[in-house]
PDB file of all heavy atoms in Angstrom:
ATOM      1  N   SER A   1     106.029 101.912 104.463  1.00  0.00           N
ATOM      2  CA  SER A   1     104.739 101.484 103.933  1.00  0.00           C
ATOM      3  C   SER A   1     104.802 101.309 102.427  1.00  0.00           C
ATOM      4  O   SER A   1     105.600 101.955 101.744  1.00  0.00           O
ATOM      5  CB  SER A   1     103.656 102.498 104.285  1.00  0.00           C
ATOM      6  OG  SER A   1     103.520 102.632 105.691  1.00  0.00           O
ATOM      7  N   THR A   2     103.938 100.439 101.931  1.00  0.00           N
ATOM      8  CA  THR A   2     103.819 100.206 100.499  1.00  0.00           C
ATOM      9  C   THR A   2     102.349 100.160 100.124  1.00  0.00           C
ATOM     10  O   THR A   2     101.572  99.416 100.727  1.00  0.00           O
ATOM     11  CB  THR A   2     104.488  98.890 100.080  1.00  0.00           C
ATOM     12  OG1 THR A   2     105.866  98.894 100.460  1.00  0.00           O
ATOM     13  CG2 THR A   2     104.394  98.704  98.570  1.00  0.00           C
ATOM     14  N   ILE A   3     101.976 100.955  99.156  1.00  0.00           N
ATOM     15  CA  ILE A   3     100.623 100.919  98.633  1.00  0.00           C
ATOM     16  C   ILE A   3     100.644 100.146  97.314  1.00  0.00           C
ATOM     17  O   ILE A   3     101.529 100.345  96.484  1.00  0.00           O
ATOM     18  CB  ILE A   3     100.041 102.336  98.458  1.00  0.00           C
ATOM     19  CG1 ILE A   3      98.568 102.272  98.047  1.00  0.00           C
ATOM     20  CG2 ILE A   3     100.855 103.164  97.473  1.00  0.00           C
ATOM     21  CD1 ILE A   3      97.873 103.633  98.083  1.00  0.00           C
ATOM     22  N   PHE A   4      99.707  99.256  97.150  1.00  0.00           N
ATOM     23  CA  PHE A   4      99.608  98.501  95.912  1.00  0.00           C
ATOM     24  C   PHE A   4      98.171  98.042  95.720  1.00  0.00           C
ATOM     25  O   PHE A   4      97.342  98.157  96.625  1.00  0.00           O
ATOM     26  CB  PHE A   4     100.579  97.312  95.889  1.00  0.00           C
ATOM     27  CG  PHE A   4     100.362  96.288  96.966  1.00  0.00           C
ATOM     28  CD1 PHE A   4      99.708  95.096  96.686  1.00  0.00           C
ATOM     29  CD2 PHE A   4     100.826  96.499  98.254  1.00  0.00           C
ATOM     30  CE1 PHE A   4      99.524  94.137  97.670  1.00  0.00           C
ATOM     31  CE2 PHE A   4     100.640  95.548  99.245  1.00  0.00           C
ATOM     32  CZ  PHE A   4      99.985  94.366  98.951  1.00  0.00           C
ATOM     33  N   ARG A   5      97.888  97.528  94.559  1.00  0.00           N
ATOM     34  CA  ARG A   5      96.518  97.113  94.276  1.00  0.00           C
ATOM     35  C   ARG A   5      96.503  95.870  93.412  1.00  0.00           C
ATOM     36  O   ARG A   5      97.443  95.596  92.659  1.00  0.00           O
ATOM     37  CB  ARG A   5      95.745  98.253  93.608  1.00  0.00           C
ATOM     38  CG  ARG A   5      96.272  98.672  92.254  1.00  0.00           C
ATOM     39  CD  ARG A   5      95.709 100.041  91.843  1.00  0.00           C
ATOM     40  NE  ARG A   5      94.261 100.042  91.770  1.00  0.00           N
ATOM     41  CZ  ARG A   5      93.494 101.125  91.788  1.00  0.00           C
ATOM     42  NH1 ARG A   5      94.063 102.335  91.881  1.00  0.00           N
ATOM     43  NH2 ARG A   5      92.178 101.028  91.706  1.00  0.00           N
ATOM     44  N   ASP A   6      95.430  95.126  93.536  1.00  0.00           N
ATOM     45  CA  ASP A   6      95.169  93.957  92.710  1.00  0.00           C
ATOM     46  C   ASP A   6      93.804  94.196  92.081  1.00  0.00           C
ATOM     47  O   ASP A   6      92.770  93.917  92.688  1.00  0.00           O
ATOM     48  CB  ASP A   6      95.192  92.680  93.531  1.00  0.00           C
ATOM     49  CG  ASP A   6      95.057  91.433  92.679  1.00  0.00           C
ATOM     50  OD1 ASP A   6      94.627  91.531  91.519  1.00  0.00           O
ATOM     51  OD2 ASP A   6      95.388  90.339  93.182  1.00  0.00           O
ATOM     52  N   ASN A   7      93.828  94.734  90.894  1.00  0.00           N
ATOM     53  CA  ASN A   7      92.566  95.101  90.262  1.00  0.00           C
ATOM     54  C   ASN A   7      91.699  93.889  89.929  1.00  0.00           C
ATOM     55  O   ASN A   7      90.476  94.005  89.860  1.00  0.00           O
ATOM     56  CB  ASN A   7      92.828  95.937  89.012  1.00  0.00           C
ATOM     57  CG  ASN A   7      93.270  97.344  89.344  1.00  0.00           C
ATOM     58  OD1 ASN A   7      92.901  97.897  90.383  1.00  0.00           O
ATOM     59  ND2 ASN A   7      94.064  97.952  88.465  1.00  0.00           N
ATOM     60  N   ALA A   8      92.324  92.724  89.729  1.00  0.00           N
ATOM     61  CA  ALA A   8      91.550  91.509  89.489  1.00  0.00           C
ATOM     62  C   ALA A   8      90.706  91.146  90.704  1.00  0.00           C
ATOM     63  O   ALA A   8      89.643  90.541  90.568  1.00  0.00           O
ATOM     64  CB  ALA A   8      92.468  90.356  89.113  1.00  0.00           C
ATOM     65  N   LYS A   9      91.188  91.499  91.894  1.00  0.00           N
ATOM     66  CA  LYS A   9      90.453  91.264  93.132  1.00  0.00           C
ATOM     67  C   LYS A   9      89.660  92.484  93.571  1.00  0.00           C
ATOM     68  O   LYS A   9      89.023  92.451  94.627  1.00  0.00           O
ATOM     69  CB  LYS A   9      91.404  90.845  94.249  1.00  0.00           C
ATOM     70  CG  LYS A   9      92.096  89.524  94.009  1.00  0.00           C
ATOM     71  CD  LYS A   9      92.992  89.158  95.179  1.00  0.00           C
ATOM     72  CE  LYS A   9      93.645  87.810  94.961  1.00  0.00           C
ATOM     73  NZ  LYS A   9      94.544  87.450  96.095  1.00  0.00           N
ATOM     74  N   ASN A  10      89.737  93.537  92.776  1.00  0.00           N
ATOM     75  CA  ASN A  10      89.002  94.754  93.090  1.00  0.00           C
ATOM     76  C   ASN A  10      89.407  95.317  94.453  1.00  0.00           C
ATOM     77  O   ASN A  10      88.570  95.835  95.199  1.00  0.00           O
ATOM     78  CB  ASN A  10      87.495  94.503  93.057  1.00  0.00           C
ATOM     79  CG  ASN A  10      86.718  95.603  92.363  1.00  0.00           C
ATOM     80  OD1 ASN A  10      87.269  96.414  91.622  1.00  0.00           O
ATOM     81  ND2 ASN A  10      85.414  95.635  92.603  1.00  0.00           N
ATOM     82  N   THR A  11      90.701  95.218  94.754  1.00  0.00           N
ATOM     83  CA  THR A  11      91.197  95.554  96.077  1.00  0.00           C
ATOM     84  C   THR A  11      92.475  96.375  96.002  1.00  0.00           C
ATOM     85  O   THR A  11      93.333  96.126  95.150  1.00  0.00           O
ATOM     86  CB  THR A  11      91.450  94.279  96.895  1.00  0.00           C
ATOM     87  OG1 THR A  11      90.222  93.553  97.030  1.00  0.00           O
ATOM     88  CG2 THR A  11      91.970  94.611  98.282  1.00  0.00           C
ATOM     89  N   MET A  12      92.598  97.319  96.907  1.00  0.00           N
ATOM     90  CA  MET A  12      93.795  98.114  97.079  1.00  0.00           C
ATOM     91  C   MET A  12      94.304  97.896  98.495  1.00  0.00           C
ATOM     92  O   MET A  12      93.516  97.712  99.424  1.00  0.00           O
ATOM     93  CB  MET A  12      93.463  99.590  96.818  1.00  0.00           C
ATOM     94  CG  MET A  12      94.633 100.534  96.830  1.00  0.00           C
ATOM     95  SD  MET A  12      94.841 101.320  98.463  1.00  0.00           S
ATOM     96  CE  MET A  12      93.382 102.378  98.518  1.00  0.00           C
ATOM     97  N   TYR A  13      95.628  97.925  98.678  1.00  0.00           N
ATOM     98  CA  TYR A  13      96.230  97.556  99.942  1.00  0.00           C
ATOM     99  C   TYR A  13      97.194  98.624 100.443  1.00  0.00           C
ATOM    100  O   TYR A  13      97.776  99.385  99.673  1.00  0.00           O
ATOM    101  CB  TYR A  13      97.029  96.260  99.809  1.00  0.00           C
ATOM    102  CG  TYR A  13      96.255  95.088  99.288  1.00  0.00           C
ATOM    103  CD1 TYR A  13      96.190  94.830  97.923  1.00  0.00           C
ATOM    104  CD2 TYR A  13      95.600  94.221 100.154  1.00  0.00           C
ATOM    105  CE1 TYR A  13      95.494  93.745  97.434  1.00  0.00           C
ATOM    106  CE2 TYR A  13      94.897  93.130  99.672  1.00  0.00           C
ATOM    107  CZ  TYR A  13      94.845  92.900  98.316  1.00  0.00           C
ATOM    108  OH  TYR A  13      94.151  91.818  97.843  1.00  0.00           O
ATOM    109  N   LEU A  14      97.388  98.628 101.745  1.00  0.00           N
ATOM    110  CA  LEU A  14      98.457  99.381 102.369  1.00  0.00           C
ATOM    111  C   LEU A  14      99.198  98.450 103.310  1.00  0.00           C
ATOM    112  O   LEU A  14      98.645  98.027 104.330  1.00  0.00           O
ATOM    113  CB  LEU A  14      97.925 100.593 103.136  1.00  0.00           C
ATOM    114  CG  LEU A  14      98.992 101.452 103.820  1.00  0.00           C
ATOM    115  CD1 LEU A  14      99.865 102.154 102.783  1.00  0.00           C
ATOM    116  CD2 LEU A  14      98.343 102.476 104.754  1.00  0.00           C
ATOM    117  N   GLN A  15     100.428  98.098 102.956  1.00  0.00           N
ATOM    118  CA  GLN A  15     101.289  97.301 103.812  1.00  0.00           C
ATOM    119  C   GLN A  15     102.084  98.246 104.694  1.00  0.00           C
ATOM    120  O   GLN A  15     102.819  99.096 104.190  1.00  0.00           O
ATOM    121  CB  GLN A  15     102.236  96.443 102.974  1.00  0.00           C
ATOM    122  CG  GLN A  15     103.246  95.649 103.793  1.00  0.00           C
ATOM    123  CD  GLN A  15     102.614  94.534 104.573  1.00  0.00           C
ATOM    124  OE1 GLN A  15     101.745  93.835 104.057  1.00  0.00           O
ATOM    125  NE2 GLN A  15     103.029  94.363 105.824  1.00  0.00           N
ATOM    126  N   MET A  16     101.948  98.112 105.999  1.00  0.00           N
ATOM    127  CA  MET A  16     102.629  98.976 106.946  1.00  0.00           C
ATOM    128  C   MET A  16     103.569  98.150 107.800  1.00  0.00           C
ATOM    129  O   MET A  16     103.148  97.195 108.459  1.00  0.00           O
ATOM    130  CB  MET A  16     101.626  99.723 107.823  1.00  0.00           C
ATOM    131  CG  MET A  16     100.669 100.614 107.044  1.00  0.00           C
ATOM    132  SD  MET A  16      99.629 101.623 108.133  1.00  0.00           S
ATOM    133  CE  MET A  16      98.657 100.323 108.908  1.00  0.00           C
ATOM    134  N   ASN A  17     104.832  98.518 107.791  1.00  0.00           N
ATOM    135  CA  ASN A  17     105.855  97.857 108.577  1.00  0.00           C
ATOM    136  C   ASN A  17     106.470  98.840 109.566  1.00  0.00           C
ATOM    137  O   ASN A  17     106.288 100.052 109.453  1.00  0.00           O
ATOM    138  CB  ASN A  17     106.945  97.294 107.662  1.00  0.00           C
ATOM    139  CG  ASN A  17     106.411  96.344 106.627  1.00  0.00           C
ATOM    140  OD1 ASN A  17     105.565  95.497 106.917  1.00  0.00           O
ATOM    141  ND2 ASN A  17     106.906  96.455 105.396  1.00  0.00           N
ATOM    142  N   SER A  18     107.207  98.304 110.513  1.00  0.00           N
ATOM    143  CA  SER A  18     107.880  99.137 111.513  1.00  0.00           C
ATOM    144  C   SER A  18     106.921 100.151 112.111  1.00  0.00           C
ATOM    145  O   SER A  18     107.231 101.342 112.219  1.00  0.00           O
ATOM    146  CB  SER A  18     109.092  99.834 110.885  1.00  0.00           C
ATOM    147  OG  SER A  18     110.014  98.899 110.370  1.00  0.00           O
ATOM    148  N   LEU A  19     105.775  99.677 112.516  1.00  0.00           N
ATOM    149  CA  LEU A  19     104.731 100.569 113.004  1.00  0.00           C
ATOM    150  C   LEU A  19     105.148 101.265 114.290  1.00  0.00           C
ATOM    151  O   LEU A  19     105.851 100.696 115.130  1.00  0.00           O
ATOM    152  CB  LEU A  19     103.437  99.799 113.213  1.00  0.00           C
ATOM    153  CG  LEU A  19     102.696  99.461 111.919  1.00  0.00           C
ATOM    154  CD1 LEU A  19     101.688  98.357 112.160  1.00  0.00           C
ATOM    155  CD2 LEU A  19     102.012 100.705 111.364  1.00  0.00           C
ATOM    156  N   LYS A  20     104.694 102.492 114.423  1.00  0.00           N
ATOM    157  CA  LYS A  20     104.988 103.329 115.574  1.00  0.00           C
ATOM    158  C   LYS A  20     103.694 103.708 116.272  1.00  0.00           C
ATOM    159  O   LYS A  20     102.635 103.740 115.641  1.00  0.00           O
ATOM    160  CB  LYS A  20     105.716 104.605 115.129  1.00  0.00           C
ATOM    161  CG  LYS A  20     106.976 104.367 114.325  1.00  0.00           C
ATOM    162  CD  LYS A  20     107.536 105.681 113.813  1.00  0.00           C
ATOM    163  CE  LYS A  20     108.790 105.478 112.994  1.00  0.00           C
ATOM    164  NZ  LYS A  20     109.318 106.764 112.472  1.00  0.00           N
ATOM    165  N   PRO A  21     103.755 104.027 117.563  1.00  0.00           N
ATOM    166  CA  PRO A  21     102.534 104.456 118.247  1.00  0.00           C
ATOM    167  C   PRO A  21     101.845 105.629 117.561  1.00  0.00           C
ATOM    168  O   PRO A  21     100.610 105.708 117.581  1.00  0.00           O
ATOM    169  CB  PRO A  21     103.034 104.847 119.645  1.00  0.00           C
ATOM    170  CG  PRO A  21     104.217 103.965 119.856  1.00  0.00           C
ATOM    171  CD  PRO A  21     104.880 103.866 118.506  1.00  0.00           C
ATOM    172  N   GLU A  22     102.599 106.515 116.948  1.00  0.00           N
ATOM    173  CA  GLU A  22     101.999 107.645 116.261  1.00  0.00           C
ATOM    174  C   GLU A  22     101.260 107.259 114.987  1.00  0.00           C
ATOM    175  O   GLU A  22     100.594 108.100 114.378  1.00  0.00           O
ATOM    176  CB  GLU A  22     103.049 108.727 115.954  1.00  0.00           C
ATOM    177  CG  GLU A  22     104.294 108.200 115.269  1.00  0.00           C
ATOM    178  CD  GLU A  22     105.436 107.931 116.237  1.00  0.00           C
ATOM    179  OE1 GLU A  22     105.180 107.329 117.305  1.00  0.00           O
ATOM    180  OE2 GLU A  22     106.572 108.322 115.933  1.00  0.00           O
ATOM    181  N   ASP A  23     101.367 106.002 114.568  1.00  0.00           N
ATOM    182  CA  ASP A  23     100.570 105.508 113.453  1.00  0.00           C
ATOM    183  C   ASP A  23      99.146 105.158 113.875  1.00  0.00           C
ATOM    184  O   ASP A  23      98.313 104.850 113.019  1.00  0.00           O
ATOM    185  CB  ASP A  23     101.214 104.274 112.826  1.00  0.00           C
ATOM    186  CG  ASP A  23     102.540 104.574 112.145  1.00  0.00           C
ATOM    187  OD1 ASP A  23     102.638 105.629 111.476  1.00  0.00           O
ATOM    188  OD2 ASP A  23     103.468 103.765 112.277  1.00  0.00           O
ATOM    189  N   THR A  24      98.875 105.178 115.157  1.00  0.00           N
ATOM    190  CA  THR A  24      97.542 104.860 115.658  1.00  0.00           C
ATOM    191  C   THR A  24      96.525 105.850 115.102  1.00  0.00           C
ATOM    192  O   THR A  24      96.668 107.059 115.271  1.00  0.00           O
ATOM    193  CB  THR A  24      97.519 104.885 117.184  1.00  0.00           C
ATOM    194  OG1 THR A  24      98.368 103.850 117.689  1.00  0.00           O
ATOM    195  CG2 THR A  24      96.108 104.664 117.710  1.00  0.00           C
ATOM    196  N   ALA A  25      95.510 105.330 114.441  1.00  0.00           N
ATOM    197  CA  ALA A  25      94.504 106.170 113.812  1.00  0.00           C
ATOM    198  C   ALA A  25      93.445 105.278 113.188  1.00  0.00           C
ATOM    199  O   ALA A  25      93.611 104.056 113.080  1.00  0.00           O
ATOM    200  CB  ALA A  25      95.132 107.056 112.734  1.00  0.00           C
ATOM    201  N   VAL A  26      92.368 105.899 112.771  1.00  0.00           N
ATOM    202  CA  VAL A  26      91.426 105.240 111.881  1.00  0.00           C
ATOM    203  C   VAL A  26      91.907 105.483 110.460  1.00  0.00           C
ATOM    204  O   VAL A  26      92.143 106.626 110.064  1.00  0.00           O
ATOM    205  CB  VAL A  26      89.997 105.766 112.063  1.00  0.00           C
ATOM    206  CG1 VAL A  26      89.052 105.102 111.068  1.00  0.00           C
ATOM    207  CG2 VAL A  26      89.520 105.521 113.488  1.00  0.00           C
ATOM    208  N   TYR A  27      92.054 104.417 109.705  1.00  0.00           N
ATOM    209  CA  TYR A  27      92.545 104.502 108.342  1.00  0.00           C
ATOM    210  C   TYR A  27      91.387 104.363 107.363  1.00  0.00           C
ATOM    211  O   TYR A  27      90.569 103.450 107.472  1.00  0.00           O
ATOM    212  CB  TYR A  27      93.593 103.413 108.076  1.00  0.00           C
ATOM    213  CG  TYR A  27      94.928 103.734 108.693  1.00  0.00           C
ATOM    214  CD1 TYR A  27      95.100 103.698 110.068  1.00  0.00           C
ATOM    215  CD2 TYR A  27      96.019 104.094 107.897  1.00  0.00           C
ATOM    216  CE1 TYR A  27      96.312 104.016 110.642  1.00  0.00           C
ATOM    217  CE2 TYR A  27      97.239 104.407 108.463  1.00  0.00           C
ATOM    218  CZ  TYR A  27      97.383 104.368 109.840  1.00  0.00           C
ATOM    219  OH  TYR A  27      98.602 104.676 110.402  1.00  0.00           O
ATOM    220  N   TYR A  28      91.354 105.266 106.405  1.00  0.00           N
ATOM    221  CA  TYR A  28      90.294 105.308 105.413  1.00  0.00           C
ATOM    222  C   TYR A  28      90.875 105.135 104.019  1.00  0.00           C
ATOM    223  O   TYR A  28      91.934 105.679 103.711  1.00  0.00           O
ATOM    224  CB  TYR A  28      89.564 106.653 105.449  1.00  0.00           C
ATOM    225  CG  TYR A  28      88.912 106.995 106.763  1.00  0.00           C
ATOM    226  CD1 TYR A  28      89.617 107.649 107.763  1.00  0.00           C
ATOM    227  CD2 TYR A  28      87.584 106.673 106.992  1.00  0.00           C
ATOM    228  CE1 TYR A  28      89.018 107.972 108.969  1.00  0.00           C
ATOM    229  CE2 TYR A  28      86.975 106.996 108.190  1.00  0.00           C
ATOM    230  CZ  TYR A  28      87.695 107.646 109.175  1.00  0.00           C
ATOM    231  OH  TYR A  28      87.093 107.971 110.365  1.00  0.00           O
ATOM    232  N   CYS A  29      90.177 104.409 103.179  1.00  0.00           N
ATOM    233  CA  CYS A  29      90.530 104.405 101.776  1.00  0.00           C
ATOM    234  C   CYS A  29      89.559 105.297 101.023  1.00  0.00           C
ATOM    235  O   CYS A  29      88.421 105.515 101.439  1.00  0.00           O
ATOM    236  CB  CYS A  29      90.548 102.991 101.181  1.00  0.00           C
ATOM    237  SG  CYS A  29      88.959 102.154 101.101  1.00  0.00           S
ATOM    238  N   ALA A  30      90.037 105.833  99.924  1.00  0.00           N
ATOM    239  CA  ALA A  30      89.241 106.721  99.100  1.00  0.00           C
ATOM    240  C   ALA A  30      89.605 106.489  97.642  1.00  0.00           C
ATOM    241  O   ALA A  30      90.701 106.040  97.324  1.00  0.00           O
ATOM    242  CB  ALA A  30      89.480 108.183  99.485  1.00  0.00           C
ATOM    243  N   ALA A  31      88.677 106.813  96.768  1.00  0.00           N
ATOM    244  CA  ALA A  31      88.886 106.602  95.342  1.00  0.00           C
ATOM    245  C   ALA A  31      88.251 107.720  94.554  1.00  0.00           C
ATOM    246  O   ALA A  31      87.205 108.257  94.937  1.00  0.00           O
ATOM    247  CB  ALA A  31      88.307 105.256  94.904  1.00  0.00           C
ATOM    248  N   SER A  32      88.897 108.054  93.453  1.00  0.00           N
ATOM    249  CA  SER A  32      88.404 109.103  92.573  1.00  0.00           C
ATOM    250  C   SER A  32      88.540 108.664  91.128  1.00  0.00           C
ATOM    251  O   SER A  32      89.588 108.168  90.714  1.00  0.00           O
ATOM    252  CB  SER A  32      89.167 110.406  92.799  1.00  0.00           C
ATOM    253  OG  SER A  32      88.739 111.403  91.885  1.00  0.00           O
TER     254      SER A  32
END
């Protein structure tokens, strides 16, 4: 996985590759 952000777009991303069944979940973003 790779986390990155584009602040000009006001967006943060999580690129997930080679996904596994154990990756199944609800994914949440958070900010502080």
